[in-house]
Amino acid sequence: MSVHLLPAHGGEPVEVPEGLTLVGRDGYCDVRLAGTLVSRMHCVLTHEDGCLLVHDLGSKNGTRVNGVRVRRARLRGQDVLGVGEMVFVVATGGQRPPDAPGPGKGRRPDAACPPS
């Protein structure tokens, strides 16, 4: 299943490939973000077997899911992921949502992880 991060305030979607994806400002990161509140190595996304997880790497400004600061969390379609001041909407199955919900207003119609 394809998974993308859609910038909530416009911009190009970021594809999240299978496996581990390092997110941060550092040049070694798979997804490089230029935000001033983004740590050099901010968080890791794990995309395996149709499941998407985020793990904060001890960032100073935190990682948020639907407006709540998290250390680890499972992400589902339409969840809002905050990395520093950067905000993304999780899109699954290759479908782009018609509009990006604001923090805390994410809907969960299509799960990025199969039900347990």
PDB file of N, CA and C in Angstrom:
ATOM      1  N   MET A   1       0.837  -1.170   0.000  1.00  0.00           N
ATOM      2  CA  MET A   1       0.000   0.000   0.000  1.00  0.00           C
ATOM      3  C   MET A   1       0.887   1.239   0.000  1.00  0.00           C
ATOM      4  N   SER A   2       0.558   2.195  -0.835  1.00  0.00           N
ATOM      5  CA  SER A   2       1.349   3.422  -0.875  1.00  0.00           C
ATOM      6  C   SER A   2       0.928   4.353   0.261  1.00  0.00           C
ATOM      7  N   VAL A   3       1.915   5.054   0.794  1.00  0.00           N
ATOM      8  CA  VAL A   3       1.688   6.023   1.864  1.00  0.00           C
ATOM      9  C   VAL A   3       2.436   7.296   1.494  1.00  0.00           C
ATOM     10  N   HIS A   4       1.749   8.429   1.624  1.00  0.00           N
ATOM     11  CA  HIS A   4       2.363   9.729   1.353  1.00  0.00           C
ATOM     12  C   HIS A   4       2.087  10.674   2.519  1.00  0.00           C
ATOM     13  N   LEU A   5       2.997  11.613   2.719  1.00  0.00           N
ATOM     14  CA  LEU A   5       2.783  12.724   3.641  1.00  0.00           C
ATOM     15  C   LEU A   5       2.496  13.940   2.789  1.00  0.00           C
ATOM     16  N   LEU A   6       1.327  14.528   2.999  1.00  0.00           N
ATOM     17  CA  LEU A   6       0.920  15.694   2.221  1.00  0.00           C
ATOM     18  C   LEU A   6       1.104  16.948   3.071  1.00  0.00           C
ATOM     19  N   PRO A   7       1.953  17.873   2.639  1.00  0.00           N
ATOM     20  CA  PRO A   7       2.125  19.107   3.408  1.00  0.00           C
ATOM     21  C   PRO A   7       0.783  19.820   3.558  1.00  0.00           C
ATOM     22  N   ALA A   8       0.394  20.097   4.788  1.00  0.00           N
ATOM     23  CA  ALA A   8      -0.910  20.695   5.067  1.00  0.00           C
ATOM     24  C   ALA A   8      -1.035  22.100   4.493  1.00  0.00           C
ATOM     25  N   HIS A   9       0.082  22.774   4.290  1.00  0.00           N
ATOM     26  CA  HIS A   9       0.039  24.155   3.804  1.00  0.00           C
ATOM     27  C   HIS A   9       0.567  24.259   2.379  1.00  0.00           C
ATOM     28  N   GLY A  10       0.441  23.173   1.617  1.00  0.00           N
ATOM     29  CA  GLY A  10       0.867  23.168   0.223  1.00  0.00           C
ATOM     30  C   GLY A  10       2.274  22.645   0.050  1.00  0.00           C
ATOM     31  N   GLY A  11       2.544  22.179  -1.142  1.00  0.00           N
ATOM     32  CA  GLY A  11       3.857  21.639  -1.455  1.00  0.00           C
ATOM     33  C   GLY A  11       3.728  20.234  -2.014  1.00  0.00           C
ATOM     34  N   GLU A  12       4.852  19.670  -2.370  1.00  0.00           N
ATOM     35  CA  GLU A  12       4.884  18.343  -2.978  1.00  0.00           C
ATOM     36  C   GLU A  12       4.697  17.255  -1.931  1.00  0.00           C
ATOM     37  N   PRO A  13       3.909  16.220  -2.262  1.00  0.00           N
ATOM     38  CA  PRO A  13       3.760  15.075  -1.357  1.00  0.00           C
ATOM     39  C   PRO A  13       5.092  14.356  -1.181  1.00  0.00           C
ATOM     40  N   VAL A  14       5.270  13.747  -0.016  1.00  0.00           N
ATOM     41  CA  VAL A  14       6.470  12.985   0.288  1.00  0.00           C
ATOM     42  C   VAL A  14       6.074  11.520   0.366  1.00  0.00           C
ATOM     43  N   GLU A  15       6.653  10.693  -0.513  1.00  0.00           N
ATOM     44  CA  GLU A  15       6.358   9.261  -0.474  1.00  0.00           C
ATOM     45  C   GLU A  15       7.114   8.617   0.686  1.00  0.00           C
ATOM     46  N   VAL A  16       6.429   7.735   1.415  1.00  0.00           N
ATOM     47  CA  VAL A  16       7.057   6.989   2.498  1.00  0.00           C
ATOM     48  C   VAL A  16       7.235   5.551   2.005  1.00  0.00           C
ATOM     49  N   PRO A  17       8.458   5.164   1.630  1.00  0.00           N
ATOM     50  CA  PRO A  17       8.679   3.816   1.113  1.00  0.00           C
ATOM     51  C   PRO A  17       8.624   2.775   2.229  1.00  0.00           C
ATOM     52  N   GLU A  18       8.559   1.511   1.836  1.00  0.00           N
ATOM     53  CA  GLU A  18       8.632   0.424   2.813  1.00  0.00           C
ATOM     54  C   GLU A  18       9.960   0.524   3.555  1.00  0.00           C
ATOM     55  N   GLY A  19       9.970   0.138   4.827  1.00  0.00           N
ATOM     56  CA  GLY A  19      11.181   0.159   5.631  1.00  0.00           C
ATOM     57  C   GLY A  19      11.250   1.389   6.507  1.00  0.00           C
ATOM     58  N   LEU A  20      12.464   1.792   6.844  1.00  0.00           N
ATOM     59  CA  LEU A  20      12.693   2.932   7.739  1.00  0.00           C
ATOM     60  C   LEU A  20      12.979   4.196   6.948  1.00  0.00           C
ATOM     61  N   THR A  21      12.415   5.313   7.408  1.00  0.00           N
ATOM     62  CA  THR A  21      12.646   6.614   6.794  1.00  0.00           C
ATOM     63  C   THR A  21      13.017   7.599   7.891  1.00  0.00           C
ATOM     64  N   LEU A  22      14.239   8.130   7.842  1.00  0.00           N
ATOM     65  CA  LEU A  22      14.722   9.094   8.819  1.00  0.00           C
ATOM     66  C   LEU A  22      14.299  10.497   8.373  1.00  0.00           C
ATOM     67  N   VAL A  23      13.698  11.254   9.305  1.00  0.00           N
ATOM     68  CA  VAL A  23      13.175  12.591   9.009  1.00  0.00           C
ATOM     69  C   VAL A  23      13.898  13.617   9.878  1.00  0.00           C
ATOM     70  N   GLY A  24      14.371  14.698   9.261  1.00  0.00           N
ATOM     71  CA  GLY A  24      15.027  15.759  10.018  1.00  0.00           C
ATOM     72  C   GLY A  24      15.713  16.755   9.100  1.00  0.00           C
ATOM     73  N   ARG A  25      16.537  17.636   9.684  1.00  0.00           N
ATOM     74  CA  ARG A  25      17.251  18.662   8.921  1.00  0.00           C
ATOM     75  C   ARG A  25      18.578  18.174   8.355  1.00  0.00           C
ATOM     76  N   ASP A  26      19.164  17.141   8.962  1.00  0.00           N
ATOM     77  CA  ASP A  26      20.493  16.665   8.589  1.00  0.00           C
ATOM     78  C   ASP A  26      20.520  16.153   7.149  1.00  0.00           C
ATOM     79  N   GLY A  27      21.638  16.345   6.484  1.00  0.00           N
ATOM     80  CA  GLY A  27      21.801  15.887   5.106  1.00  0.00           C
ATOM     81  C   GLY A  27      21.721  14.383   4.952  1.00  0.00           C
ATOM     82  N   TYR A  28      21.917  13.642   6.023  1.00  0.00           N
ATOM     83  CA  TYR A  28      21.826  12.182   5.979  1.00  0.00           C
ATOM     84  C   TYR A  28      20.386  11.679   6.056  1.00  0.00           C
ATOM     85  N   CYS A  29      19.451  12.543   6.361  1.00  0.00           N
ATOM     86  CA  CYS A  29      18.049  12.124   6.502  1.00  0.00           C
ATOM     87  C   CYS A  29      17.451  11.777   5.142  1.00  0.00           C
ATOM     88  N   ASP A  30      16.548  10.815   5.144  1.00  0.00           N
ATOM     89  CA  ASP A  30      15.842  10.430   3.920  1.00  0.00           C
ATOM     90  C   ASP A  30      14.860  11.514   3.509  1.00  0.00           C
ATOM     91  N   VAL A  31      14.197  12.127   4.491  1.00  0.00           N
ATOM     92  CA  VAL A  31      13.294  13.255   4.251  1.00  0.00           C
ATOM     93  C   VAL A  31      13.882  14.438   4.999  1.00  0.00           C
ATOM     94  N   ARG A  32      14.384  15.429   4.230  1.00  0.00           N
ATOM     95  CA  ARG A  32      15.009  16.608   4.825  1.00  0.00           C
ATOM     96  C   ARG A  32      14.006  17.747   4.883  1.00  0.00           C
ATOM     97  N   LEU A  33      13.818  18.286   6.085  1.00  0.00           N
ATOM     98  CA  LEU A  33      12.900  19.399   6.300  1.00  0.00           C
ATOM     99  C   LEU A  33      13.698  20.607   6.760  1.00  0.00           C
ATOM    100  N   ALA A  34      13.348  21.771   6.232  1.00  0.00           N
ATOM    101  CA  ALA A  34      14.118  22.983   6.510  1.00  0.00           C
ATOM    102  C   ALA A  34      13.580  23.796   7.681  1.00  0.00           C
ATOM    103  N   GLY A  35      12.564  23.318   8.361  1.00  0.00           N
ATOM    104  CA  GLY A  35      11.967  24.088   9.454  1.00  0.00           C
ATOM    105  C   GLY A  35      12.951  24.381  10.573  1.00  0.00           C
ATOM    106  N   THR A  36      12.857  25.564  11.156  1.00  0.00           N
ATOM    107  CA  THR A  36      13.769  25.958  12.228  1.00  0.00           C
ATOM    108  C   THR A  36      13.516  25.185  13.517  1.00  0.00           C
ATOM    109  N   LEU A  37      12.326  24.610  13.688  1.00  0.00           N
ATOM    110  CA  LEU A  37      12.010  23.827  14.887  1.00  0.00           C
ATOM    111  C   LEU A  37      12.178  22.326  14.661  1.00  0.00           C
ATOM    112  N   VAL A  38      12.692  21.949  13.486  1.00  0.00           N
ATOM    113  CA  VAL A  38      12.930  20.546  13.164  1.00  0.00           C
ATOM    114  C   VAL A  38      14.346  20.192  13.609  1.00  0.00           C
ATOM    115  N   SER A  39      14.478  19.116  14.387  1.00  0.00           N
ATOM    116  CA  SER A  39      15.795  18.669  14.844  1.00  0.00           C
ATOM    117  C   SER A  39      16.585  18.048  13.685  1.00  0.00           C
ATOM    118  N   ARG A  40      17.902  17.977  13.855  1.00  0.00           N
ATOM    119  CA  ARG A  40      18.737  17.391  12.799  1.00  0.00           C
ATOM    120  C   ARG A  40      18.294  15.971  12.471  1.00  0.00           C
ATOM    121  N   MET A  41      18.026  15.176  13.487  1.00  0.00           N
ATOM    122  CA  MET A  41      17.454  13.838  13.306  1.00  0.00           C
ATOM    123  C   MET A  41      16.227  13.794  14.205  1.00  0.00           C
ATOM    124  N   HIS A  42      15.086  14.105  13.638  1.00  0.00           N
ATOM    125  CA  HIS A  42      13.872  14.379  14.397  1.00  0.00           C
ATOM    126  C   HIS A  42      13.073  13.120  14.748  1.00  0.00           C
ATOM    127  N   CYS A  43      12.746  12.312  13.729  1.00  0.00           N
ATOM    128  CA  CYS A  43      11.940  11.121  13.969  1.00  0.00           C
ATOM    129  C   CYS A  43      12.193  10.087  12.882  1.00  0.00           C
ATOM    130  N   VAL A  44      11.700   8.879  13.130  1.00  0.00           N
ATOM    131  CA  VAL A  44      11.806   7.791  12.160  1.00  0.00           C
ATOM    132  C   VAL A  44      10.403   7.297  11.853  1.00  0.00           C
ATOM    133  N   LEU A  45      10.129   7.107  10.568  1.00  0.00           N
ATOM    134  CA  LEU A  45       8.881   6.488  10.131  1.00  0.00           C
ATOM    135  C   LEU A  45       9.196   5.049   9.743  1.00  0.00           C
ATOM    136  N   THR A  46       8.384   4.127  10.202  1.00  0.00           N
ATOM    137  CA  THR A  46       8.540   2.718   9.846  1.00  0.00           C
ATOM    138  C   THR A  46       7.298   2.301   9.079  1.00  0.00           C
ATOM    139  N   HIS A  47       7.485   1.884   7.836  1.00  0.00           N
ATOM    140  CA  HIS A  47       6.376   1.468   6.977  1.00  0.00           C
ATOM    141  C   HIS A  47       6.619   0.014   6.602  1.00  0.00           C
ATOM    142  N   GLU A  48       5.887  -0.888   7.247  1.00  0.00           N
ATOM    143  CA  GLU A  48       6.039  -2.313   6.989  1.00  0.00           C
ATOM    144  C   GLU A  48       4.689  -3.000   7.038  1.00  0.00           C
ATOM    145  N   ASP A  49       4.470  -3.898   6.092  1.00  0.00           N
ATOM    146  CA  ASP A  49       3.257  -4.715   6.048  1.00  0.00           C
ATOM    147  C   ASP A  49       1.988  -3.866   6.146  1.00  0.00           C
ATOM    148  N   GLY A  50       1.981  -2.716   5.468  1.00  0.00           N
ATOM    149  CA  GLY A  50       0.801  -1.860   5.460  1.00  0.00           C
ATOM    150  C   GLY A  50       0.593  -1.057   6.727  1.00  0.00           C
ATOM    151  N   CYS A  51       1.564  -1.060   7.617  1.00  0.00           N
ATOM    152  CA  CYS A  51       1.459  -0.336   8.882  1.00  0.00           C
ATOM    153  C   CYS A  51       2.480   0.802   8.886  1.00  0.00           C
ATOM    154  N   LEU A  52       2.074   1.979   9.373  1.00  0.00           N
ATOM    155  CA  LEU A  52       2.970   3.133   9.456  1.00  0.00           C
ATOM    156  C   LEU A  52       3.086   3.570  10.915  1.00  0.00           C
ATOM    157  N   LEU A  53       4.320   3.597  11.404  1.00  0.00           N
ATOM    158  CA  LEU A  53       4.608   4.001  12.776  1.00  0.00           C
ATOM    159  C   LEU A  53       5.554   5.191  12.756  1.00  0.00           C
ATOM    160  N   VAL A  54       5.443   6.061  13.769  1.00  0.00           N
ATOM    161  CA  VAL A  54       6.387   7.166  13.932  1.00  0.00           C
ATOM    162  C   VAL A  54       7.020   7.030  15.311  1.00  0.00           C
ATOM    163  N   HIS A  55       8.331   7.310  15.365  1.00  0.00           N
ATOM    164  CA  HIS A  55       9.083   7.246  16.618  1.00  0.00           C
ATOM    165  C   HIS A  55       9.919   8.517  16.717  1.00  0.00           C
ATOM    166  N   ASP A  56       9.631   9.344  17.714  1.00  0.00           N
ATOM    167  CA  ASP A  56      10.400  10.566  17.931  1.00  0.00           C
ATOM    168  C   ASP A  56      11.784  10.191  18.455  1.00  0.00           C
ATOM    169  N   LEU A  57      12.816  10.871  17.976  1.00  0.00           N
ATOM    170  CA  LEU A  57      14.198  10.563  18.357  1.00  0.00           C
ATOM    171  C   LEU A  57      14.728  11.504  19.431  1.00  0.00           C
ATOM    172  N   GLY A  58      13.845  11.929  20.339  1.00  0.00           N
ATOM    173  CA  GLY A  58      14.257  12.838  21.399  1.00  0.00           C
ATOM    174  C   GLY A  58      14.374  14.269  20.932  1.00  0.00           C
ATOM    175  N   SER A  59      13.583  14.634  19.929  1.00  0.00           N
ATOM    176  CA  SER A  59      13.643  15.998  19.380  1.00  0.00           C
ATOM    177  C   SER A  59      13.240  17.022  20.435  1.00  0.00           C
ATOM    178  N   LYS A  60      13.834  18.188  20.361  1.00  0.00           N
ATOM    179  CA  LYS A  60      13.546  19.254  21.330  1.00  0.00           C
ATOM    180  C   LYS A  60      12.115  19.768  21.197  1.00  0.00           C
ATOM    181  N   ASN A  61      11.631  19.928  19.970  1.00  0.00           N
ATOM    182  CA  ASN A  61      10.318  20.521  19.746  1.00  0.00           C
ATOM    183  C   ASN A  61       9.209  19.501  19.507  1.00  0.00           C
ATOM    184  N   GLY A  62       9.546  18.243  19.518  1.00  0.00           N
ATOM    185  CA  GLY A  62       8.549  17.189  19.522  1.00  0.00           C
ATOM    186  C   GLY A  62       7.947  16.797  18.189  1.00  0.00           C
ATOM    187  N   THR A  63       7.312  15.638  18.239  1.00  0.00           N
ATOM    188  CA  THR A  63       6.554  15.076  17.129  1.00  0.00           C
ATOM    189  C   THR A  63       5.120  14.950  17.626  1.00  0.00           C
ATOM    190  N   ARG A  64       4.160  15.371  16.801  1.00  0.00           N
ATOM    191  CA  ARG A  64       2.750  15.360  17.212  1.00  0.00           C
ATOM    192  C   ARG A  64       1.915  14.554  16.223  1.00  0.00           C
ATOM    193  N   VAL A  65       0.915  13.867  16.757  1.00  0.00           N
ATOM    194  CA  VAL A  65      -0.071  13.184  15.935  1.00  0.00           C
ATOM    195  C   VAL A  65      -1.423  13.733  16.352  1.00  0.00           C
ATOM    196  N   ASN A  66      -2.118  14.350  15.405  1.00  0.00           N
ATOM    197  CA  ASN A  66      -3.415  14.985  15.660  1.00  0.00           C
ATOM    198  C   ASN A  66      -3.346  15.966  16.827  1.00  0.00           C
ATOM    199  N   GLY A  67      -2.236  16.714  16.887  1.00  0.00           N
ATOM    200  CA  GLY A  67      -2.068  17.761  17.883  1.00  0.00           C
ATOM    201  C   GLY A  67      -1.534  17.300  19.227  1.00  0.00           C
ATOM    202  N   VAL A  68      -1.324  16.000  19.420  1.00  0.00           N
ATOM    203  CA  VAL A  68      -0.850  15.459  20.695  1.00  0.00           C
ATOM    204  C   VAL A  68       0.613  15.038  20.539  1.00  0.00           C
ATOM    205  N   ARG A  69       1.456  15.523  21.442  1.00  0.00           N
ATOM    206  CA  ARG A  69       2.884  15.159  21.379  1.00  0.00           C
ATOM    207  C   ARG A  69       3.038  13.678  21.720  1.00  0.00           C
ATOM    208  N   VAL A  70       3.832  12.972  20.907  1.00  0.00           N
ATOM    209  CA  VAL A  70       4.005  11.531  21.090  1.00  0.00           C
ATOM    210  C   VAL A  70       5.484  11.165  21.043  1.00  0.00           C
ATOM    211  N   ARG A  71       5.822  10.045  21.681  1.00  0.00           N
ATOM    212  CA  ARG A  71       7.153   9.458  21.521  1.00  0.00           C
ATOM    213  C   ARG A  71       7.096   8.393  20.440  1.00  0.00           C
ATOM    214  N   ARG A  72       5.998   7.625  20.450  1.00  0.00           N
ATOM    215  CA  ARG A  72       5.732   6.598  19.435  1.00  0.00           C
ATOM    216  C   ARG A  72       4.242   6.596  19.172  1.00  0.00           C
ATOM    217  N   ALA A  73       3.889   6.340  17.923  1.00  0.00           N
ATOM    218  CA  ALA A  73       2.460   6.268  17.586  1.00  0.00           C
ATOM    219  C   ALA A  73       2.272   5.546  16.266  1.00  0.00           C
ATOM    220  N   ARG A  74       1.115   4.948  16.111  1.00  0.00           N
ATOM    221  CA  ARG A  74       0.717   4.359  14.842  1.00  0.00           C
ATOM    222  C   ARG A  74      -0.037   5.436  14.075  1.00  0.00           C
ATOM    223  N   LEU A  75       0.272   5.575  12.793  1.00  0.00           N
ATOM    224  CA  LEU A  75      -0.377   6.575  11.949  1.00  0.00           C
ATOM    225  C   LEU A  75      -1.394   5.902  11.046  1.00  0.00           C
ATOM    226  N   ARG A  76      -2.532   6.556  10.871  1.00  0.00           N
ATOM    227  CA  ARG A  76      -3.595   6.069   9.991  1.00  0.00           C
ATOM    228  C   ARG A  76      -3.878   7.143   8.941  1.00  0.00           C
ATOM    229  N   GLY A  77      -4.589   6.736   7.895  1.00  0.00           N
ATOM    230  CA  GLY A  77      -4.975   7.686   6.867  1.00  0.00           C
ATOM    231  C   GLY A  77      -5.732   8.859   7.460  1.00  0.00           C
ATOM    232  N   GLN A  78      -5.405  10.065   7.025  1.00  0.00           N
ATOM    233  CA  GLN A  78      -5.993  11.331   7.439  1.00  0.00           C
ATOM    234  C   GLN A  78      -5.467  11.851   8.775  1.00  0.00           C
ATOM    235  N   ASP A  79      -4.570  11.107   9.462  1.00  0.00           N
ATOM    236  CA  ASP A  79      -3.954  11.639  10.669  1.00  0.00           C
ATOM    237  C   ASP A  79      -3.099  12.840  10.294  1.00  0.00           C
ATOM    238  N   VAL A  80      -2.927  13.743  11.236  1.00  0.00           N
ATOM    239  CA  VAL A  80      -2.100  14.930  11.033  1.00  0.00           C
ATOM    240  C   VAL A  80      -0.807  14.728  11.810  1.00  0.00           C
ATOM    241  N   LEU A  81       0.318  14.739  11.092  1.00  0.00           N
ATOM    242  CA  LEU A  81       1.638  14.538  11.679  1.00  0.00           C
ATOM    243  C   LEU A  81       2.364  15.872  11.737  1.00  0.00           C
ATOM    244  N   GLY A  82       2.794  16.266  12.934  1.00  0.00           N
ATOM    245  CA  GLY A  82       3.563  17.493  13.117  1.00  0.00           C
ATOM    246  C   GLY A  82       5.009  17.161  13.457  1.00  0.00           C
ATOM    247  N   VAL A  83       5.930  17.715  12.683  1.00  0.00           N
ATOM    248  CA  VAL A  83       7.368  17.534  12.904  1.00  0.00           C
ATOM    249  C   VAL A  83       7.941  18.932  13.057  1.00  0.00           C
ATOM    250  N   GLY A  84       8.239  19.317  14.317  1.00  0.00           N
ATOM    251  CA  GLY A  84       8.597  20.712  14.563  1.00  0.00           C
ATOM    252  C   GLY A  84       7.403  21.571  14.167  1.00  0.00           C
ATOM    253  N   GLU A  85       7.638  22.580  13.305  1.00  0.00           N
ATOM    254  CA  GLU A  85       6.528  23.420  12.846  1.00  0.00           C
ATOM    255  C   GLU A  85       5.930  22.917  11.532  1.00  0.00           C
ATOM    256  N   MET A  86       6.471  21.848  10.977  1.00  0.00           N
ATOM    257  CA  MET A  86       5.971  21.285   9.722  1.00  0.00           C
ATOM    258  C   MET A  86       4.765  20.392  10.007  1.00  0.00           C
ATOM    259  N   VAL A  87       3.733  20.484   9.156  1.00  0.00           N
ATOM    260  CA  VAL A  87       2.506  19.716   9.363  1.00  0.00           C
ATOM    261  C   VAL A  87       2.165  18.963   8.080  1.00  0.00           C
ATOM    262  N   PHE A  88       1.870  17.673   8.236  1.00  0.00           N
ATOM    263  CA  PHE A  88       1.546  16.798   7.114  1.00  0.00           C
ATOM    264  C   PHE A  88       0.266  16.024   7.409  1.00  0.00           C
ATOM    265  N   VAL A  89      -0.459  15.690   6.350  1.00  0.00           N
ATOM    266  CA  VAL A  89      -1.609  14.800   6.450  1.00  0.00           C
ATOM    267  C   VAL A  89      -1.177  13.468   5.857  1.00  0.00           C
ATOM    268  N   VAL A  90      -1.473  12.373   6.567  1.00  0.00           N
ATOM    269  CA  VAL A  90      -1.121  11.038   6.094  1.00  0.00           C
ATOM    270  C   VAL A  90      -2.163  10.603   5.066  1.00  0.00           C
ATOM    271  N   ALA A  91      -1.692  10.219   3.882  1.00  0.00           N
ATOM    272  CA  ALA A  91      -2.577   9.732   2.821  1.00  0.00           C
ATOM    273  C   ALA A  91      -2.164   8.301   2.486  1.00  0.00           C
ATOM    274  N   THR A  92      -3.129   7.393   2.442  1.00  0.00           N
ATOM    275  CA  THR A  92      -2.841   5.997   2.147  1.00  0.00           C
ATOM    276  C   THR A  92      -3.548   5.574   0.873  1.00  0.00           C
ATOM    277  N   GLY A  93      -3.036   4.526   0.251  1.00  0.00           N
ATOM    278  CA  GLY A  93      -3.674   3.958  -0.929  1.00  0.00           C
ATOM    279  C   GLY A  93      -3.614   4.817  -2.166  1.00  0.00           C
ATOM    280  N   GLY A  94      -2.708   5.804  -2.211  1.00  0.00           N
ATOM    281  CA  GLY A  94      -2.548   6.631  -3.394  1.00  0.00           C
ATOM    282  C   GLY A  94      -3.624   7.683  -3.577  1.00  0.00           C
ATOM    283  N   GLN A  95      -4.491   7.855  -2.598  1.00  0.00           N
ATOM    284  CA  GLN A  95      -5.549   8.862  -2.723  1.00  0.00           C
ATOM    285  C   GLN A  95      -5.161  10.116  -1.970  1.00  0.00           C
ATOM    286  N   ARG A  96      -5.318  11.225  -2.639  1.00  0.00           N
ATOM    287  CA  ARG A  96      -5.037  12.519  -2.019  1.00  0.00           C
ATOM    288  C   ARG A  96      -6.345  13.068  -1.457  1.00  0.00           C
ATOM    289  N   PRO A  97      -6.381  13.428  -0.163  1.00  0.00           N
ATOM    290  CA  PRO A  97      -7.622  13.947   0.397  1.00  0.00           C
ATOM    291  C   PRO A  97      -7.995  15.279  -0.241  1.00  0.00           C
ATOM    292  N   PRO A  98      -9.290  15.585  -0.352  1.00  0.00           N
ATOM    293  CA  PRO A  98      -9.711  16.833  -0.987  1.00  0.00           C
ATOM    294  C   PRO A  98      -9.255  18.075  -0.250  1.00  0.00           C
ATOM    295  N   ASP A  99      -9.177  18.002   1.077  1.00  0.00           N
ATOM    296  CA  ASP A  99      -8.662  19.125   1.851  1.00  0.00           C
ATOM    297  C   ASP A  99      -8.007  18.577   3.103  1.00  0.00           C
ATOM    298  N   ALA A 100      -6.988  19.277   3.568  1.00  0.00           N
ATOM    299  CA  ALA A 100      -6.233  18.815   4.725  1.00  0.00           C
ATOM    300  C   ALA A 100      -6.881  19.327   6.004  1.00  0.00           C
ATOM    301  N   PRO A 101      -7.233  18.426   6.921  1.00  0.00           N
ATOM    302  CA  PRO A 101      -7.809  18.875   8.187  1.00  0.00           C
ATOM    303  C   PRO A 101      -6.753  19.548   9.047  1.00  0.00           C
ATOM    304  N   GLY A 102      -7.181  20.419   9.945  1.00  0.00           N
ATOM    305  CA  GLY A 102      -6.260  21.076  10.854  1.00  0.00           C
ATOM    306  C   GLY A 102      -5.863  20.139  11.976  1.00  0.00           C
ATOM    307  N   PRO A 103      -4.872  20.501  12.777  1.00  0.00           N
ATOM    308  CA  PRO A 103      -4.444  19.660  13.881  1.00  0.00           C
ATOM    309  C   PRO A 103      -5.610  19.319  14.797  1.00  0.00           C
ATOM    310  N   GLY A 104      -5.666  18.060  15.201  1.00  0.00           N
ATOM    311  CA  GLY A 104      -6.715  17.613  16.099  1.00  0.00           C
ATOM    312  C   GLY A 104      -8.029  17.307  15.420  1.00  0.00           C
ATOM    313  N   LYS A 105      -8.123  17.512  14.107  1.00  0.00           N
ATOM    314  CA  LYS A 105      -9.382  17.295  13.407  1.00  0.00           C
ATOM    315  C   LYS A 105      -9.269  16.180  12.384  1.00  0.00           C
ATOM    316  N   GLY A 106      -8.246  15.331  12.511  1.00  0.00           N
ATOM    317  CA  GLY A 106      -8.055  14.244  11.557  1.00  0.00           C
ATOM    318  C   GLY A 106      -9.161  13.211  11.645  1.00  0.00           C
ATOM    319  N   ARG A 107      -9.577  12.705  10.476  1.00  0.00           N
ATOM    320  CA  ARG A 107     -10.552  11.628  10.432  1.00  0.00           C
ATOM    321  C   ARG A 107      -9.789  10.348  10.169  1.00  0.00           C
ATOM    322  N   ARG A 108     -10.377   9.205  10.420  1.00  0.00           N
ATOM    323  CA  ARG A 108      -9.698   7.939  10.232  1.00  0.00           C
ATOM    324  C   ARG A 108     -10.520   6.987   9.383  1.00  0.00           C
ATOM    325  N   PRO A 109     -10.860   7.357   8.138  1.00  0.00           N
ATOM    326  CA  PRO A 109     -11.671   6.472   7.337  1.00  0.00           C
ATOM    327  C   PRO A 109     -10.930   5.272   6.760  1.00  0.00           C
ATOM    328  N   ASP A 110      -9.637   5.411   6.506  1.00  0.00           N
ATOM    329  CA  ASP A 110      -8.880   4.285   5.942  1.00  0.00           C
ATOM    330  C   ASP A 110      -7.589   4.123   6.730  1.00  0.00           C
ATOM    331  N   ALA A 111      -7.484   3.040   7.463  1.00  0.00           N
ATOM    332  CA  ALA A 111      -6.333   2.826   8.343  1.00  0.00           C
ATOM    333  C   ALA A 111      -5.084   2.512   7.554  1.00  0.00           C
ATOM    334  N   ALA A 112      -3.940   3.070   7.987  1.00  0.00           N
ATOM    335  CA  ALA A 112      -2.661   2.740   7.374  1.00  0.00           C
ATOM    336  C   ALA A 112      -2.152   1.416   7.912  1.00  0.00           C
ATOM    337  N   CYS A 113      -2.730   0.925   9.007  1.00  0.00           N
ATOM    338  CA  CYS A 113      -2.353  -0.364   9.573  1.00  0.00           C
ATOM    339  C   CYS A 113      -3.592  -1.242   9.588  1.00  0.00           C
ATOM    340  N   PRO A 114      -3.434  -2.501   9.197  1.00  0.00           N
ATOM    341  CA  PRO A 114      -4.588  -3.384   9.231  1.00  0.00           C
ATOM    342  C   PRO A 114      -5.083  -3.575  10.653  1.00  0.00           C
ATOM    343  N   PRO A 115      -6.377  -3.803  10.851  1.00  0.00           N
ATOM    344  CA  PRO A 115      -6.889  -4.005  12.203  1.00  0.00           C
ATOM    345  C   PRO A 115      -6.242  -5.227  12.833  1.00  0.00           C
ATOM    346  N   SER A 116      -6.015  -5.148  14.156  1.00  0.00           N
ATOM    347  CA  SER A 116      -5.391  -6.265  14.868  1.00  0.00           C
ATOM    348  C   SER A 116      -6.390  -7.356  15.116  1.00  0.00           C
TER     349      SER A 116
END
